[in-house]
Amino acid sequence: MQVLINSEDRAYPECIWQPPADIYRIEQGWLVKLDLAGVRSEDIHLSIQGQHLIIQGLRRDWIVEAGQQYYSMEIAYNRFKRVIEFPNHLEHARITTQYRDGMLLIWLKTAPQGGV
């Protein structure tokens, strides 16, 4: 898996869609799950700015056949960006990721905060 962490915030300057996310408070910090089905892990970029986790990337429409015509289009392609704000700064958080079955899991391990 190759998710780029702390990459340039301007990796994808024009973003078209936002992936849905679930955010969990866990004992060591935070767990963020993003629905990124069909996105190659090398096209995902993460960065931290203060209290914000920024996830950017690109989903490509890679199945294109000669002569095909669109009947229905419900899947968002092109550049995406999701900015998630947390109640505390994340700049010293330890970030680990796992990309599994189209879901990106991001663990942000922070110092104990003494509550949610």
N, C-alpha and C. Protein backbone atom coordinates (compact mmCIF):
# COMPACT_ATOMS: atom_id res chain seq x y z
N MET A 1 0.83 -1.17 0.00
CA MET A 1 0.00 0.00 0.00
C MET A 1 0.88 1.24 0.00
N GLN A 2 0.51 2.22 -0.78
CA GLN A 2 1.29 3.45 -0.86
C GLN A 2 0.37 4.65 -0.72
N VAL A 3 0.04 5.00 0.50
CA VAL A 3 -0.70 6.22 0.76
C VAL A 3 0.33 7.25 1.18
N LEU A 4 0.39 8.37 0.47
CA LEU A 4 1.38 9.39 0.76
C LEU A 4 0.92 10.24 1.94
N ILE A 5 1.73 10.29 2.98
CA ILE A 5 1.40 11.03 4.18
C ILE A 5 2.23 12.30 4.22
N ASN A 6 1.60 13.40 4.66
CA ASN A 6 2.23 14.71 4.74
C ASN A 6 2.69 15.20 3.37
N SER A 7 1.94 14.86 2.36
CA SER A 7 2.26 15.35 1.03
C SER A 7 1.72 16.76 0.87
N GLU A 8 2.02 17.36 -0.22
CA GLU A 8 1.57 18.73 -0.48
C GLU A 8 0.05 18.81 -0.45
N ASP A 9 -0.45 19.84 0.19
CA ASP A 9 -1.89 20.07 0.22
C ASP A 9 -2.43 20.38 -1.17
N ARG A 10 -1.56 20.79 -2.06
CA ARG A 10 -1.99 21.18 -3.40
C ARG A 10 -1.82 20.06 -4.41
N ALA A 11 -1.80 18.82 -3.92
CA ALA A 11 -1.61 17.71 -4.84
C ALA A 11 -2.71 17.67 -5.90
N TYR A 12 -3.93 17.99 -5.49
CA TYR A 12 -5.07 18.01 -6.40
C TYR A 12 -5.82 19.31 -6.18
N PRO A 13 -5.43 20.38 -6.85
CA PRO A 13 -6.01 21.70 -6.54
C PRO A 13 -7.50 21.83 -6.81
N GLU A 14 -8.05 21.17 -7.80
CA GLU A 14 -9.48 21.28 -8.08
C GLU A 14 -10.14 19.96 -7.74
N CYS A 15 -10.97 19.97 -6.70
CA CYS A 15 -11.59 18.74 -6.24
C CYS A 15 -13.07 18.75 -6.55
N ILE A 16 -13.56 17.61 -6.99
CA ILE A 16 -14.91 17.49 -7.50
C ILE A 16 -15.86 16.89 -6.48
N TRP A 17 -15.43 15.91 -5.70
CA TRP A 17 -16.34 15.20 -4.81
C TRP A 17 -15.68 14.94 -3.46
N GLN A 18 -16.51 14.57 -2.47
CA GLN A 18 -16.02 14.28 -1.13
C GLN A 18 -16.42 12.85 -0.75
N PRO A 19 -15.47 12.02 -0.37
CA PRO A 19 -15.84 10.66 0.04
C PRO A 19 -16.51 10.68 1.42
N PRO A 20 -17.48 9.79 1.65
CA PRO A 20 -18.09 9.69 2.98
C PRO A 20 -17.08 9.13 3.98
N ALA A 21 -17.21 9.56 5.24
CA ALA A 21 -16.26 9.14 6.27
C ALA A 21 -16.99 8.83 7.57
N ASP A 22 -16.48 7.85 8.29
CA ASP A 22 -16.90 7.56 9.66
C ASP A 22 -15.71 7.89 10.55
N ILE A 23 -15.97 8.53 11.68
CA ILE A 23 -14.90 8.95 12.58
C ILE A 23 -15.19 8.38 13.97
N TYR A 24 -14.19 7.70 14.53
CA TYR A 24 -14.35 7.07 15.84
C TYR A 24 -13.31 7.63 16.80
N ARG A 25 -13.71 7.88 18.02
CA ARG A 25 -12.75 8.18 19.09
C ARG A 25 -12.33 6.85 19.66
N ILE A 26 -11.03 6.60 19.69
CA ILE A 26 -10.52 5.36 20.24
C ILE A 26 -9.58 5.69 21.39
N GLU A 27 -9.16 4.69 22.11
CA GLU A 27 -8.35 4.91 23.31
C GLU A 27 -7.07 5.68 23.02
N GLN A 28 -6.42 5.40 21.87
CA GLN A 28 -5.14 6.05 21.56
C GLN A 28 -5.30 7.32 20.73
N GLY A 29 -6.52 7.68 20.33
CA GLY A 29 -6.70 8.86 19.49
C GLY A 29 -7.96 8.77 18.65
N TRP A 30 -7.78 8.63 17.34
CA TRP A 30 -8.90 8.64 16.41
C TRP A 30 -8.72 7.56 15.34
N LEU A 31 -9.85 7.07 14.85
CA LEU A 31 -9.87 6.18 13.70
C LEU A 31 -10.83 6.79 12.69
N VAL A 32 -10.35 6.99 11.47
CA VAL A 32 -11.17 7.54 10.39
C VAL A 32 -11.28 6.48 9.31
N LYS A 33 -12.51 6.21 8.87
CA LYS A 33 -12.74 5.27 7.76
C LYS A 33 -13.34 6.05 6.61
N LEU A 34 -12.75 5.90 5.45
CA LEU A 34 -13.26 6.57 4.26
C LEU A 34 -13.63 5.54 3.21
N ASP A 35 -14.76 5.76 2.57
CA ASP A 35 -15.22 4.90 1.48
C ASP A 35 -14.54 5.37 0.20
N LEU A 36 -13.51 4.63 -0.22
CA LEU A 36 -12.74 5.01 -1.41
C LEU A 36 -12.65 3.85 -2.39
N ALA A 37 -13.76 3.17 -2.58
CA ALA A 37 -13.79 2.05 -3.52
C ALA A 37 -13.34 2.51 -4.90
N GLY A 38 -12.47 1.73 -5.50
CA GLY A 38 -12.00 2.02 -6.85
C GLY A 38 -10.87 3.02 -6.94
N VAL A 39 -10.40 3.53 -5.79
CA VAL A 39 -9.30 4.49 -5.79
C VAL A 39 -8.00 3.72 -5.53
N ARG A 40 -7.01 3.92 -6.39
CA ARG A 40 -5.72 3.27 -6.19
C ARG A 40 -5.03 3.90 -4.99
N SER A 41 -4.39 3.10 -4.16
CA SER A 41 -3.76 3.64 -2.96
C SER A 41 -2.70 4.68 -3.29
N GLU A 42 -2.01 4.52 -4.43
CA GLU A 42 -0.99 5.50 -4.79
C GLU A 42 -1.58 6.84 -5.23
N ASP A 43 -2.88 6.90 -5.40
CA ASP A 43 -3.56 8.16 -5.76
C ASP A 43 -4.18 8.84 -4.54
N ILE A 44 -3.85 8.38 -3.34
CA ILE A 44 -4.39 8.96 -2.11
C ILE A 44 -3.27 9.71 -1.39
N HIS A 45 -3.55 10.93 -0.96
CA HIS A 45 -2.56 11.77 -0.28
C HIS A 45 -3.17 12.29 1.02
N LEU A 46 -2.41 12.17 2.11
CA LEU A 46 -2.86 12.65 3.42
C LEU A 46 -1.95 13.77 3.88
N SER A 47 -2.52 14.73 4.59
CA SER A 47 -1.72 15.75 5.25
C SER A 47 -2.45 16.22 6.50
N ILE A 48 -1.68 16.81 7.40
CA ILE A 48 -2.21 17.36 8.65
C ILE A 48 -1.90 18.84 8.66
N GLN A 49 -2.90 19.64 9.01
CA GLN A 49 -2.70 21.07 9.20
C GLN A 49 -3.45 21.47 10.46
N GLY A 50 -2.72 21.64 11.54
CA GLY A 50 -3.35 22.01 12.81
C GLY A 50 -4.33 20.96 13.28
N GLN A 51 -5.61 21.31 13.31
CA GLN A 51 -6.67 20.40 13.75
C GLN A 51 -7.32 19.67 12.59
N HIS A 52 -6.76 19.79 11.40
CA HIS A 52 -7.41 19.24 10.21
C HIS A 52 -6.62 18.09 9.60
N LEU A 53 -7.35 17.03 9.30
CA LEU A 53 -6.83 15.93 8.50
C LEU A 53 -7.35 16.14 7.09
N ILE A 54 -6.45 16.17 6.12
CA ILE A 54 -6.83 16.43 4.74
C ILE A 54 -6.52 15.19 3.91
N ILE A 55 -7.54 14.68 3.27
CA ILE A 55 -7.38 13.50 2.42
C ILE A 55 -7.75 13.93 1.00
N GLN A 56 -6.82 13.73 0.08
CA GLN A 56 -7.05 14.09 -1.32
C GLN A 56 -6.69 12.92 -2.22
N GLY A 57 -7.25 12.93 -3.39
CA GLY A 57 -6.90 11.86 -4.31
C GLY A 57 -7.65 11.95 -5.61
N LEU A 58 -7.64 10.82 -6.28
CA LEU A 58 -8.21 10.75 -7.62
C LEU A 58 -8.80 9.36 -7.84
N ARG A 59 -10.06 9.32 -8.27
CA ARG A 59 -10.65 8.05 -8.70
C ARG A 59 -10.79 8.11 -10.21
N ARG A 60 -10.19 7.15 -10.87
CA ARG A 60 -10.20 7.11 -12.33
C ARG A 60 -11.27 6.16 -12.84
N ASP A 61 -11.88 6.54 -13.93
CA ASP A 61 -12.83 5.65 -14.61
C ASP A 61 -12.00 4.81 -15.58
N TRP A 62 -11.52 3.68 -15.10
CA TRP A 62 -10.54 2.92 -15.86
C TRP A 62 -11.15 1.86 -16.76
N ILE A 63 -12.48 1.69 -16.69
CA ILE A 63 -13.10 0.73 -17.61
C ILE A 63 -13.82 1.53 -18.68
N VAL A 64 -13.15 1.69 -19.78
CA VAL A 64 -13.70 2.43 -20.91
C VAL A 64 -13.48 1.57 -22.15
N GLU A 65 -14.55 1.25 -22.82
CA GLU A 65 -14.45 0.44 -24.02
C GLU A 65 -14.86 1.28 -25.23
N ALA A 66 -14.28 0.95 -26.34
CA ALA A 66 -14.60 1.68 -27.57
C ALA A 66 -16.10 1.56 -27.87
N GLY A 67 -16.72 2.68 -28.16
CA GLY A 67 -18.12 2.69 -28.53
C GLY A 67 -19.11 2.65 -27.37
N GLN A 68 -18.64 2.60 -26.13
CA GLN A 68 -19.58 2.53 -25.00
C GLN A 68 -20.32 3.85 -24.84
N GLN A 69 -21.56 3.74 -24.37
CA GLN A 69 -22.38 4.92 -24.11
C GLN A 69 -22.88 4.84 -22.68
N TYR A 70 -23.03 5.97 -22.04
CA TYR A 70 -23.49 6.00 -20.66
C TYR A 70 -24.99 5.79 -20.60
N TYR A 71 -25.43 4.88 -19.78
CA TYR A 71 -26.85 4.66 -19.51
C TYR A 71 -27.22 5.28 -18.18
N SER A 72 -26.36 5.09 -17.17
CA SER A 72 -26.56 5.68 -15.85
C SER A 72 -25.20 5.91 -15.22
N MET A 73 -24.99 7.05 -14.62
CA MET A 73 -23.70 7.37 -13.98
C MET A 73 -23.98 7.84 -12.56
N GLU A 74 -23.67 7.03 -11.56
CA GLU A 74 -23.88 7.41 -10.16
C GLU A 74 -22.58 7.46 -9.38
N ILE A 75 -21.50 6.95 -9.91
CA ILE A 75 -20.23 6.93 -9.21
C ILE A 75 -19.44 8.18 -9.56
N ALA A 76 -18.92 8.85 -8.51
CA ALA A 76 -18.13 10.07 -8.73
C ALA A 76 -16.70 9.68 -9.11
N TYR A 77 -16.22 10.26 -10.18
CA TYR A 77 -14.83 10.08 -10.60
C TYR A 77 -14.14 11.44 -10.55
N ASN A 78 -12.87 11.44 -10.76
CA ASN A 78 -12.06 12.65 -10.81
C ASN A 78 -11.47 12.93 -9.42
N ARG A 79 -11.07 14.13 -9.19
CA ARG A 79 -10.37 14.50 -7.96
C ARG A 79 -11.35 14.61 -6.80
N PHE A 80 -10.87 14.23 -5.60
CA PHE A 80 -11.68 14.39 -4.40
C PHE A 80 -10.84 15.01 -3.30
N LYS A 81 -11.54 15.57 -2.34
CA LYS A 81 -10.87 16.14 -1.16
C LYS A 81 -11.84 16.09 0.00
N ARG A 82 -11.33 15.66 1.14
CA ARG A 82 -12.13 15.65 2.35
C ARG A 82 -11.27 16.25 3.46
N VAL A 83 -11.81 17.26 4.13
CA VAL A 83 -11.13 17.89 5.26
C VAL A 83 -11.94 17.59 6.50
N ILE A 84 -11.31 16.97 7.49
CA ILE A 84 -11.98 16.61 8.74
C ILE A 84 -11.33 17.40 9.87
N GLU A 85 -12.16 18.13 10.61
CA GLU A 85 -11.65 18.92 11.74
C GLU A 85 -11.81 18.13 13.04
N PHE A 86 -10.77 18.15 13.85
CA PHE A 86 -10.79 17.48 15.15
C PHE A 86 -10.72 18.53 16.26
N PRO A 87 -11.10 18.18 17.48
CA PRO A 87 -11.08 19.17 18.57
C PRO A 87 -9.69 19.49 19.10
N ASN A 88 -8.67 18.76 18.67
CA ASN A 88 -7.31 19.03 19.14
C ASN A 88 -6.34 19.01 17.96
N HIS A 89 -5.16 19.60 18.15
CA HIS A 89 -4.14 19.61 17.10
C HIS A 89 -3.63 18.19 16.85
N LEU A 90 -3.29 17.94 15.61
CA LEU A 90 -2.87 16.60 15.21
C LEU A 90 -1.43 16.57 14.72
N GLU A 91 -0.74 17.69 14.78
CA GLU A 91 0.58 17.75 14.16
C GLU A 91 1.59 16.78 14.75
N HIS A 92 1.39 16.34 15.97
CA HIS A 92 2.31 15.36 16.56
C HIS A 92 1.70 13.96 16.60
N ALA A 93 0.59 13.79 15.95
CA ALA A 93 -0.07 12.48 15.92
C ALA A 93 0.75 11.50 15.08
N ARG A 94 0.76 10.26 15.51
CA ARG A 94 1.39 9.19 14.72
C ARG A 94 0.31 8.63 13.80
N ILE A 95 0.58 8.63 12.52
CA ILE A 95 -0.42 8.23 11.52
C ILE A 95 -0.06 6.86 10.96
N THR A 96 -1.02 5.98 10.97
CA THR A 96 -0.88 4.71 10.27
C THR A 96 -2.12 4.51 9.41
N THR A 97 -1.94 3.83 8.30
CA THR A 97 -3.07 3.63 7.38
C THR A 97 -3.14 2.18 6.94
N GLN A 98 -4.33 1.81 6.53
CA GLN A 98 -4.54 0.50 5.91
C GLN A 98 -5.63 0.68 4.88
N TYR A 99 -5.42 0.15 3.71
CA TYR A 99 -6.41 0.23 2.64
C TYR A 99 -6.92 -1.17 2.40
N ARG A 100 -8.20 -1.38 2.74
CA ARG A 100 -8.74 -2.73 2.72
C ARG A 100 -10.12 -2.73 2.06
N ASP A 101 -10.28 -3.50 1.01
CA ASP A 101 -11.58 -3.67 0.35
C ASP A 101 -12.26 -2.34 0.02
N GLY A 102 -11.49 -1.39 -0.46
CA GLY A 102 -12.05 -0.11 -0.85
C GLY A 102 -12.26 0.87 0.27
N MET A 103 -11.87 0.50 1.49
CA MET A 103 -11.99 1.39 2.64
C MET A 103 -10.58 1.80 3.08
N LEU A 104 -10.38 3.10 3.26
CA LEU A 104 -9.13 3.60 3.82
C LEU A 104 -9.32 3.80 5.31
N LEU A 105 -8.49 3.14 6.10
CA LEU A 105 -8.52 3.27 7.55
C LEU A 105 -7.32 4.10 7.96
N ILE A 106 -7.56 5.16 8.74
CA ILE A 106 -6.50 6.05 9.18
C ILE A 106 -6.54 6.11 10.70
N TRP A 107 -5.46 5.66 11.33
CA TRP A 107 -5.35 5.77 12.78
C TRP A 107 -4.48 6.99 13.10
N LEU A 108 -5.00 7.86 13.94
CA LEU A 108 -4.27 9.04 14.39
C LEU A 108 -4.03 8.85 15.87
N LYS A 109 -2.83 8.43 16.20
CA LYS A 109 -2.52 8.17 17.61
C LYS A 109 -1.95 9.44 18.22
N THR A 110 -2.66 9.95 19.21
CA THR A 110 -2.29 11.21 19.86
C THR A 110 -2.00 10.95 21.33
N ALA A 111 -1.47 11.95 21.99
CA ALA A 111 -1.25 11.84 23.43
C ALA A 111 -2.61 11.81 24.12
N PRO A 112 -2.69 11.14 25.26
CA PRO A 112 -3.98 11.10 25.96
C PRO A 112 -4.50 12.51 26.24
N GLN A 113 -5.81 12.71 25.98
CA GLN A 113 -6.43 14.02 26.15
C GLN A 113 -7.29 14.12 27.39
N GLY A 114 -7.61 13.00 28.02
CA GLY A 114 -8.44 13.03 29.22
C GLY A 114 -9.91 13.23 28.93
N GLY A 115 -10.39 12.71 27.85
CA GLY A 115 -11.82 12.79 27.54
C GLY A 115 -12.05 12.98 26.06
N VAL A 116 -13.31 12.92 25.63
CA VAL A 116 -13.68 13.05 24.22
C VAL A 116 -13.90 14.49 23.88
